[in-house]
Amino acid sequence: MRKDTTKSYALFSIKQLMRKYFFVLLLLFVLVPGNGYAHDSKVQRHPAPWKFAVISDTQGEKSEVAGYPCINEPIVRAIARDIAAEQPDFVLIAGDLINGWIWNNNTSFSVQYANWRSAMEPVYSASIPVFPIRGNHDVGPERVALPPLPTRLEPAPGALVLLEQAFKEAFREPYIPKNGPDGEDGFTFSFRHKNAFIIGLDVCGNCQHKVNQGWLNGQLAGNRNPHVFVYAHEPAFQVRHRDCLAFYKEDRDIFWDSLGNAGSRVYFCGHDHLYNRAVIADSAGNEIRQIVVGTGGGRLVQWSGAYGEGPRVKGEYSNSGYHGYILVTVDGPRATVVWKALVPQEKRNTWRVLDSFSYTLP
């Protein structure tokens, strides 16, 4: 009889404890963040090391061949295979995915983006989310920074509307945030992932060579994640092309200061078909790396190494010889950025890390 009473008391005590801590357990279940890409996911202060990749300028060269895919298919597919093998959490695409409105030999925009997705199939098959933003080839001709040409190339009437529609149709994944400013939903966005805040900026559409600074300020002000990674198509500080954020220097400096003030230490971009890493301090002395990774497939170009703004921009590494992509590893407060290049070796191409640097947040 005593044994049964003891057992009943023990069961009663367990039930009391379960009732007492039920709401605590429920609250913990709700608050512990997952690995989603929603812009309102919670901060993970000490996640396990994780990775993401960055690609830009995967378009092809000019061609008169009928049915030309308008991407550098062999390079894009090789990059996609290597990324899939690396198993990053996601991939950022910094614009100029396709030839788009120019040099397309009448290949429709929807077919061009379908070709791009087909080449990226190893990434999509591995269920790795892809977050593209637009470049000038995905938007339309530059009309502000460059002097008029004797025979300026112009898209056919109505083509740019179709180009925008094709981009939207090609990238309808529900994980791509729709939290951008008016007129830029799906083109400009932000999301949180583990201990990082990622912002993609469309600087070729509504505001050529500018960012929507008001929207960006609001995003940065609401962030509590320690790492801040921002990417757009155009460099903030001129490398080769004059049509970049440096065309509006005052606005660009406000943008750069906002990154430094928010704790961002890296800005990814493309546009120039080469790899370049430079460090530029904001007005408060915070050092931010501008990393140009326009090596995703576009025709590589040589560059003199002379920055448009001289000694303010301190070059650290440059390479115009190989295609490749960036892989970032985040390990607590430390981030390591490497450029993986596809280097010819004997009778085959080999992936090699040709540049690497790290920073640690205070």
Protein backbone atom coordinates (compact mmCIF):
# COMPACT_ATOMS: atom_id res chain seq x y z
CA MET A 1 0.00 0.00 0.00
CA ARG A 2 2.80 2.38 0.86
CA LYS A 3 4.58 1.56 -2.41
CA ASP A 4 1.50 2.52 -4.47
CA THR A 5 1.13 5.80 -2.55
CA THR A 6 4.74 6.71 -3.25
CA LYS A 7 4.30 6.01 -6.96
CA SER A 8 1.10 8.09 -7.09
CA TYR A 9 2.84 10.99 -5.30
CA ALA A 10 5.77 10.83 -7.74
CA LEU A 11 3.42 10.93 -10.73
CA PHE A 12 1.51 13.83 -9.16
CA SER A 13 4.77 15.76 -8.63
CA ILE A 14 5.85 15.21 -12.27
CA LYS A 15 2.47 16.47 -13.50
CA GLN A 16 2.79 19.55 -11.30
CA LEU A 17 6.25 20.27 -12.70
CA MET A 18 5.02 19.83 -16.26
CA ARG A 19 2.15 22.26 -15.64
CA LYS A 20 4.51 24.74 -13.96
CA TYR A 21 7.06 24.79 -16.77
CA PHE A 22 4.77 24.19 -19.75
CA PHE A 23 4.62 27.86 -20.72
CA VAL A 24 8.35 28.29 -20.19
CA LEU A 25 9.05 25.40 -22.55
CA LEU A 26 6.54 26.74 -25.05
CA LEU A 27 8.15 30.19 -24.96
CA LEU A 28 11.60 28.70 -25.55
CA PHE A 29 10.29 26.70 -28.49
CA VAL A 30 8.85 29.82 -30.08
CA LEU A 31 11.89 32.04 -29.46
CA VAL A 32 14.71 29.68 -30.45
CA PRO A 33 15.53 30.71 -34.05
CA GLY A 34 15.64 28.31 -36.94
CA ASN A 35 17.65 28.44 -40.13
CA GLY A 36 15.06 30.25 -42.21
CA TYR A 37 15.56 33.31 -44.36
CA ALA A 38 12.62 35.39 -43.19
CA HIS A 39 13.55 39.02 -42.58
CA ASP A 40 12.14 38.81 -39.04
CA SER A 41 13.99 35.68 -37.84
CA LYS A 42 15.77 35.96 -34.50
CA VAL A 43 19.46 36.41 -33.77
CA GLN A 44 21.70 33.43 -33.11
CA ARG A 45 24.64 34.83 -31.18
CA HIS A 46 26.77 31.68 -31.18
CA PRO A 47 25.78 29.44 -34.09
CA ALA A 48 28.10 26.78 -35.46
CA PRO A 49 30.36 28.00 -38.30
CA TRP A 50 28.43 28.46 -41.52
CA LYS A 51 29.08 29.62 -45.10
CA PHE A 52 27.59 31.57 -47.97
CA ALA A 53 28.74 32.26 -51.54
CA VAL A 54 28.78 35.39 -53.73
CA ILE A 55 28.77 35.51 -57.56
CA SER A 56 28.45 38.37 -60.03
CA ASP A 57 28.44 38.95 -63.80
CA THR A 58 27.58 35.55 -65.22
CA GLN A 59 26.50 36.92 -68.60
CA GLY A 60 28.09 35.73 -71.84
CA GLU A 61 29.96 37.56 -74.54
CA LYS A 62 28.47 39.18 -77.61
CA SER A 63 27.43 36.58 -80.15
CA GLU A 64 25.61 36.42 -83.47
CA VAL A 65 24.83 32.73 -83.04
CA ALA A 66 21.13 31.92 -83.13
CA GLY A 67 19.89 30.48 -79.86
CA TYR A 68 22.87 31.86 -77.97
CA PRO A 69 22.20 31.25 -74.22
CA CYS A 70 23.36 34.77 -73.19
CA ILE A 71 25.31 33.38 -70.23
CA ASN A 72 28.78 31.83 -69.96
CA GLU A 73 27.24 28.41 -69.49
CA PRO A 74 30.42 26.34 -68.89
CA ILE A 75 31.75 28.73 -66.25
CA VAL A 76 28.40 29.21 -64.51
CA ARG A 77 27.85 25.46 -64.34
CA ALA A 78 31.38 24.87 -63.03
CA ILE A 79 30.83 27.50 -60.32
CA ALA A 80 27.45 25.97 -59.45
CA ARG A 81 28.97 22.50 -59.09
CA ASP A 82 31.70 23.74 -56.78
CA ILE A 83 29.25 25.74 -54.68
CA ALA A 84 27.01 22.70 -54.33
CA ALA A 85 30.03 20.72 -53.11
CA GLU A 86 30.82 23.45 -50.55
CA GLN A 87 27.23 23.32 -49.22
CA PRO A 88 26.83 26.96 -48.18
CA ASP A 89 23.63 28.13 -46.50
CA PHE A 90 22.77 30.41 -49.44
CA VAL A 91 24.15 32.18 -52.53
CA LEU A 92 24.11 35.92 -53.27
CA ILE A 93 24.07 37.02 -56.93
CA ALA A 94 25.26 40.60 -57.44
CA GLY A 95 23.69 41.30 -60.82
CA ASP A 96 24.26 40.94 -64.57
CA LEU A 97 23.01 37.39 -64.63
CA ILE A 98 22.35 37.43 -68.40
CA ASN A 99 23.09 39.54 -71.47
CA GLY A 100 19.57 40.85 -71.03
CA TRP A 101 18.59 43.73 -73.26
CA ILE A 102 21.86 43.83 -75.22
CA TRP A 103 23.79 41.37 -77.44
CA ASN A 104 21.08 38.75 -77.13
CA ASN A 105 20.50 37.94 -80.83
CA ASN A 106 16.74 37.96 -80.17
CA THR A 107 16.92 35.34 -77.42
CA SER A 108 13.91 36.12 -75.23
CA PHE A 109 14.48 37.31 -71.69
CA SER A 110 12.54 34.40 -70.21
CA VAL A 111 14.72 31.93 -72.12
CA GLN A 112 17.89 33.72 -70.99
CA TYR A 113 16.88 33.42 -67.32
CA ALA A 114 15.79 29.81 -67.90
CA ASN A 115 19.28 29.12 -69.28
CA TRP A 116 20.79 30.73 -66.18
CA ARG A 117 18.72 28.61 -63.82
CA SER A 118 19.57 25.51 -65.82
CA ALA A 119 23.30 26.23 -65.45
CA MET A 120 22.78 26.81 -61.72
CA GLU A 121 20.92 23.48 -61.42
CA PRO A 122 23.53 21.90 -59.08
CA VAL A 123 22.83 24.66 -56.54
CA TYR A 124 19.06 24.48 -56.86
CA SER A 125 19.10 20.66 -56.70
CA ALA A 126 21.05 20.90 -53.44
CA SER A 127 18.22 23.07 -52.03
CA ILE A 128 20.59 26.02 -51.52
CA PRO A 129 18.61 29.30 -51.60
CA VAL A 130 19.67 31.86 -54.22
CA PHE A 131 19.19 35.62 -53.73
CA PRO A 132 19.74 37.60 -56.96
CA ILE A 133 19.69 41.36 -57.41
CA ARG A 134 19.77 43.12 -60.77
CA GLY A 135 22.66 44.63 -62.69
CA ASN A 136 22.64 46.95 -65.68
CA HIS A 137 22.20 44.02 -68.09
CA ASP A 138 19.10 42.98 -66.11
CA VAL A 139 17.64 46.51 -66.09
CA GLY A 140 18.53 48.60 -69.14
CA PRO A 141 21.08 51.06 -70.52
CA GLU A 142 22.95 53.52 -68.33
CA ARG A 143 21.70 57.08 -68.93
CA VAL A 144 23.45 59.24 -66.35
CA ALA A 145 27.16 58.73 -65.81
CA LEU A 146 28.50 57.99 -69.29
CA PRO A 147 28.83 60.56 -72.09
CA PRO A 148 26.45 60.11 -75.04
CA LEU A 149 27.76 57.76 -77.70
CA PRO A 150 27.59 58.58 -81.41
CA THR A 151 25.39 55.52 -81.86
CA ARG A 152 23.97 54.60 -78.48
CA LEU A 153 22.58 51.10 -78.28
CA GLU A 154 18.93 51.16 -77.28
CA PRO A 155 16.53 48.38 -76.35
CA ALA A 156 13.48 47.76 -78.53
CA PRO A 157 10.27 49.56 -77.48
CA GLY A 158 8.68 47.82 -74.52
CA ALA A 159 11.67 45.53 -74.01
CA LEU A 160 12.59 46.80 -70.55
CA VAL A 161 9.12 46.11 -69.18
CA LEU A 162 9.37 42.55 -70.48
CA LEU A 163 12.87 42.25 -68.98
CA GLU A 164 11.59 43.25 -65.53
CA GLN A 165 8.70 40.81 -65.81
CA ALA A 166 11.04 38.01 -66.85
CA PHE A 167 13.29 38.62 -63.82
CA LYS A 168 10.30 38.53 -61.47
CA GLU A 169 8.96 35.36 -63.05
CA ALA A 170 12.34 33.65 -62.94
CA PHE A 171 12.86 34.30 -59.22
CA ARG A 172 9.54 33.71 -57.49
CA GLU A 173 10.87 31.64 -54.61
CA PRO A 174 8.92 32.44 -51.43
CA TYR A 175 12.12 32.80 -49.40
CA ILE A 176 13.16 35.92 -51.37
CA PRO A 177 11.97 38.81 -49.17
CA LYS A 178 9.48 41.38 -50.42
CA ASN A 179 10.44 44.03 -47.88
CA GLY A 180 12.10 46.57 -50.16
CA PRO A 181 11.13 50.21 -50.67
CA ASP A 182 8.25 51.20 -52.96
CA GLY A 183 8.94 50.10 -56.50
CA GLU A 184 11.79 47.78 -55.46
CA ASP A 185 9.97 44.82 -53.89
CA GLY A 186 11.91 41.71 -54.81
CA PHE A 187 14.75 43.83 -56.20
CA THR A 188 16.01 45.41 -52.97
CA PHE A 189 15.59 43.44 -49.75
CA SER A 190 17.08 42.37 -46.46
CA PHE A 191 17.02 39.21 -44.37
CA ARG A 192 18.53 37.85 -41.19
CA HIS A 193 20.31 34.53 -41.02
CA LYS A 194 21.81 33.19 -37.81
CA ASN A 195 24.21 35.92 -36.60
CA ALA A 196 24.24 37.94 -39.84
CA PHE A 197 22.12 40.61 -41.51
CA ILE A 198 22.20 40.58 -45.32
CA ILE A 199 21.08 43.46 -47.54
CA GLY A 200 20.76 43.31 -51.34
CA LEU A 201 20.51 46.66 -53.11
CA ASP A 202 19.19 47.41 -56.61
CA VAL A 203 21.31 50.37 -57.74
CA CYS A 204 20.57 50.06 -61.47
CA GLY A 205 16.80 50.43 -61.51
CA ASN A 206 14.81 53.29 -60.00
CA CYS A 207 17.86 55.09 -58.57
CA GLN A 208 20.72 54.67 -61.02
CA HIS A 209 24.06 54.79 -59.17
CA LYS A 210 22.38 55.49 -55.82
CA VAL A 211 20.94 53.48 -52.95
CA ASN A 212 17.61 54.16 -51.30
CA GLN A 213 19.31 55.62 -48.24
CA GLY A 214 16.16 56.25 -46.22
CA TRP A 215 15.08 52.63 -46.53
CA LEU A 216 18.61 51.41 -45.81
CA ASN A 217 18.89 53.57 -42.67
CA GLY A 218 15.69 52.04 -41.34
CA GLN A 219 16.93 48.52 -42.01
CA LEU A 220 20.28 49.12 -40.32
CA ALA A 221 18.68 50.85 -37.34
CA GLY A 222 16.49 47.82 -36.66
CA ASN A 223 19.28 45.28 -36.92
CA ARG A 224 20.69 43.46 -33.88
CA ASN A 225 22.85 40.89 -35.67
CA PRO A 226 26.60 41.41 -35.30
CA HIS A 227 27.66 40.70 -38.91
CA VAL A 228 26.31 42.97 -41.66
CA PHE A 229 26.89 41.99 -45.30
CA VAL A 230 25.71 44.33 -48.08
CA TYR A 231 25.86 43.62 -51.79
CA ALA A 232 24.92 45.49 -54.97
CA HIS A 233 25.99 45.40 -58.59
CA GLU A 234 28.09 48.55 -58.78
CA PRO A 235 31.26 49.38 -56.84
CA ALA A 236 30.93 52.22 -54.35
CA PHE A 237 34.42 53.41 -55.28
CA GLN A 238 35.36 53.46 -58.95
CA VAL A 239 37.55 50.68 -60.26
CA ARG A 240 37.19 50.67 -64.07
CA HIS A 241 33.68 51.77 -64.93
CA ARG A 242 32.69 55.37 -64.34
CA ASP A 243 29.04 54.34 -64.03
CA CYS A 244 29.08 53.34 -60.37
CA LEU A 245 28.05 54.76 -57.00
CA ALA A 246 31.07 57.10 -57.09
CA PHE A 247 29.27 59.20 -59.72
CA TYR A 248 27.34 60.75 -56.80
CA LYS A 249 30.17 61.03 -54.31
CA GLU A 250 28.27 62.83 -51.53
CA ASP A 251 25.48 60.27 -51.57
CA ARG A 252 28.03 57.48 -51.78
CA ASP A 253 29.90 58.81 -48.74
CA ILE A 254 26.66 58.91 -46.73
CA PHE A 255 26.07 55.31 -47.80
CA TRP A 256 29.61 54.28 -46.80
CA ASP A 257 29.29 55.98 -43.41
CA SER A 258 26.00 54.17 -42.79
CA LEU A 259 27.73 50.84 -43.38
CA GLY A 260 30.60 51.70 -41.06
CA ASN A 261 28.29 52.96 -38.36
CA ALA A 262 26.28 49.72 -38.56
CA GLY A 263 29.39 47.59 -38.08
CA SER A 264 29.59 46.33 -41.66
CA ARG A 265 33.11 45.40 -42.72
CA VAL A 266 32.51 44.06 -46.25
CA TYR A 267 30.67 45.34 -49.32
CA PHE A 268 30.32 42.93 -52.27
CA CYS A 269 29.79 44.07 -55.86
CA GLY A 270 30.57 43.29 -59.49
CA HIS A 271 30.20 45.30 -62.72
CA ASP A 272 33.94 45.32 -63.44
CA HIS A 273 34.91 41.93 -64.85
CA LEU A 274 37.77 41.19 -62.51
CA TYR A 275 38.46 40.43 -58.87
CA ASN A 276 39.58 43.26 -56.62
CA ARG A 277 39.83 43.82 -52.88
CA ALA A 278 40.39 47.28 -51.46
CA VAL A 279 39.98 48.89 -48.04
CA ILE A 280 38.34 52.30 -47.64
CA ALA A 281 37.73 53.95 -44.27
CA ASP A 282 34.52 55.81 -43.56
CA SER A 283 34.57 59.30 -42.03
CA ALA A 284 34.84 57.80 -38.53
CA GLY A 285 37.85 55.68 -39.47
CA ASN A 286 36.00 52.34 -39.72
CA GLU A 287 37.68 50.19 -42.37
CA ILE A 288 35.36 48.55 -44.90
CA ARG A 289 36.48 46.23 -47.68
CA GLN A 290 35.03 46.71 -51.13
CA ILE A 291 35.25 43.37 -52.91
CA VAL A 292 34.59 43.32 -56.65
CA VAL A 293 33.79 39.79 -57.78
CA GLY A 294 32.78 40.33 -61.40
CA THR A 295 34.32 36.98 -62.33
CA GLY A 296 31.20 34.83 -62.71
CA GLY A 297 31.48 34.35 -66.46
CA GLY A 298 31.62 37.71 -68.24
CA ARG A 299 34.61 38.46 -70.47
CA LEU A 300 37.52 39.21 -68.13
CA VAL A 301 39.25 42.57 -68.61
CA GLN A 302 42.62 43.92 -67.62
CA TRP A 303 42.88 47.01 -65.41
CA SER A 304 45.64 49.51 -64.70
CA GLY A 305 45.20 49.38 -60.91
CA ALA A 306 44.64 53.15 -60.70
CA TYR A 307 41.56 53.83 -58.56
CA GLY A 308 39.32 56.71 -59.51
CA GLU A 309 39.75 58.35 -56.11
CA GLY A 310 43.44 57.76 -55.69
CA PRO A 311 45.01 57.20 -52.27
CA ARG A 312 41.71 57.16 -50.40
CA VAL A 313 41.19 53.67 -51.80
CA LYS A 314 43.93 51.29 -50.70
CA GLY A 315 44.18 48.30 -52.98
CA GLU A 316 45.05 45.00 -51.33
CA TYR A 317 44.70 42.39 -54.07
CA SER A 318 43.62 42.36 -57.72
CA ASN A 319 43.37 39.66 -60.37
CA SER A 320 41.99 39.82 -63.90
CA GLY A 321 43.08 36.39 -65.04
CA TYR A 322 40.48 33.91 -63.84
CA HIS A 323 36.79 33.34 -63.33
CA GLY A 324 35.59 32.45 -59.85
CA TYR A 325 33.41 33.25 -56.88
CA ILE A 326 33.59 34.21 -53.21
CA LEU A 327 33.02 31.91 -50.26
CA VAL A 328 32.48 33.46 -46.82
CA THR A 329 32.76 31.47 -43.60
CA VAL A 330 31.25 33.00 -40.46
CA ASP A 331 32.51 31.60 -37.17
CA GLY A 332 31.17 33.58 -34.22
CA PRO A 333 32.63 37.11 -34.43
CA ARG A 334 35.12 36.07 -37.11
CA ALA A 335 34.46 36.08 -40.86
CA THR A 336 36.83 34.71 -43.48
CA VAL A 337 36.39 35.72 -47.12
CA VAL A 338 38.12 33.71 -49.86
CA TRP A 339 38.10 34.04 -53.63
CA LYS A 340 38.07 30.65 -55.33
CA ALA A 341 39.37 30.83 -58.88
CA LEU A 342 39.13 28.32 -61.71
CA VAL A 343 42.77 27.95 -62.71
CA PRO A 344 44.00 25.90 -65.70
CA GLN A 345 46.37 23.20 -64.47
CA GLU A 346 47.85 20.62 -66.81
CA LYS A 347 44.89 19.34 -68.87
CA ARG A 348 42.04 20.42 -66.61
CA ASN A 349 40.82 23.35 -64.56
CA THR A 350 41.33 23.31 -60.80
CA TRP A 351 39.71 25.37 -58.06
CA ARG A 352 42.27 27.31 -56.06
CA VAL A 353 41.99 29.95 -53.33
CA LEU A 354 43.92 32.93 -54.70
CA ASP A 355 42.88 35.53 -52.14
CA SER A 356 41.79 35.35 -48.52
CA PHE A 357 41.33 37.71 -45.63
CA SER A 358 39.59 37.66 -42.26
CA TYR A 359 38.20 40.13 -39.77
CA THR A 360 36.99 39.75 -36.21
CA LEU A 361 34.28 41.94 -34.74
CA PRO A 362 34.98 43.53 -31.36
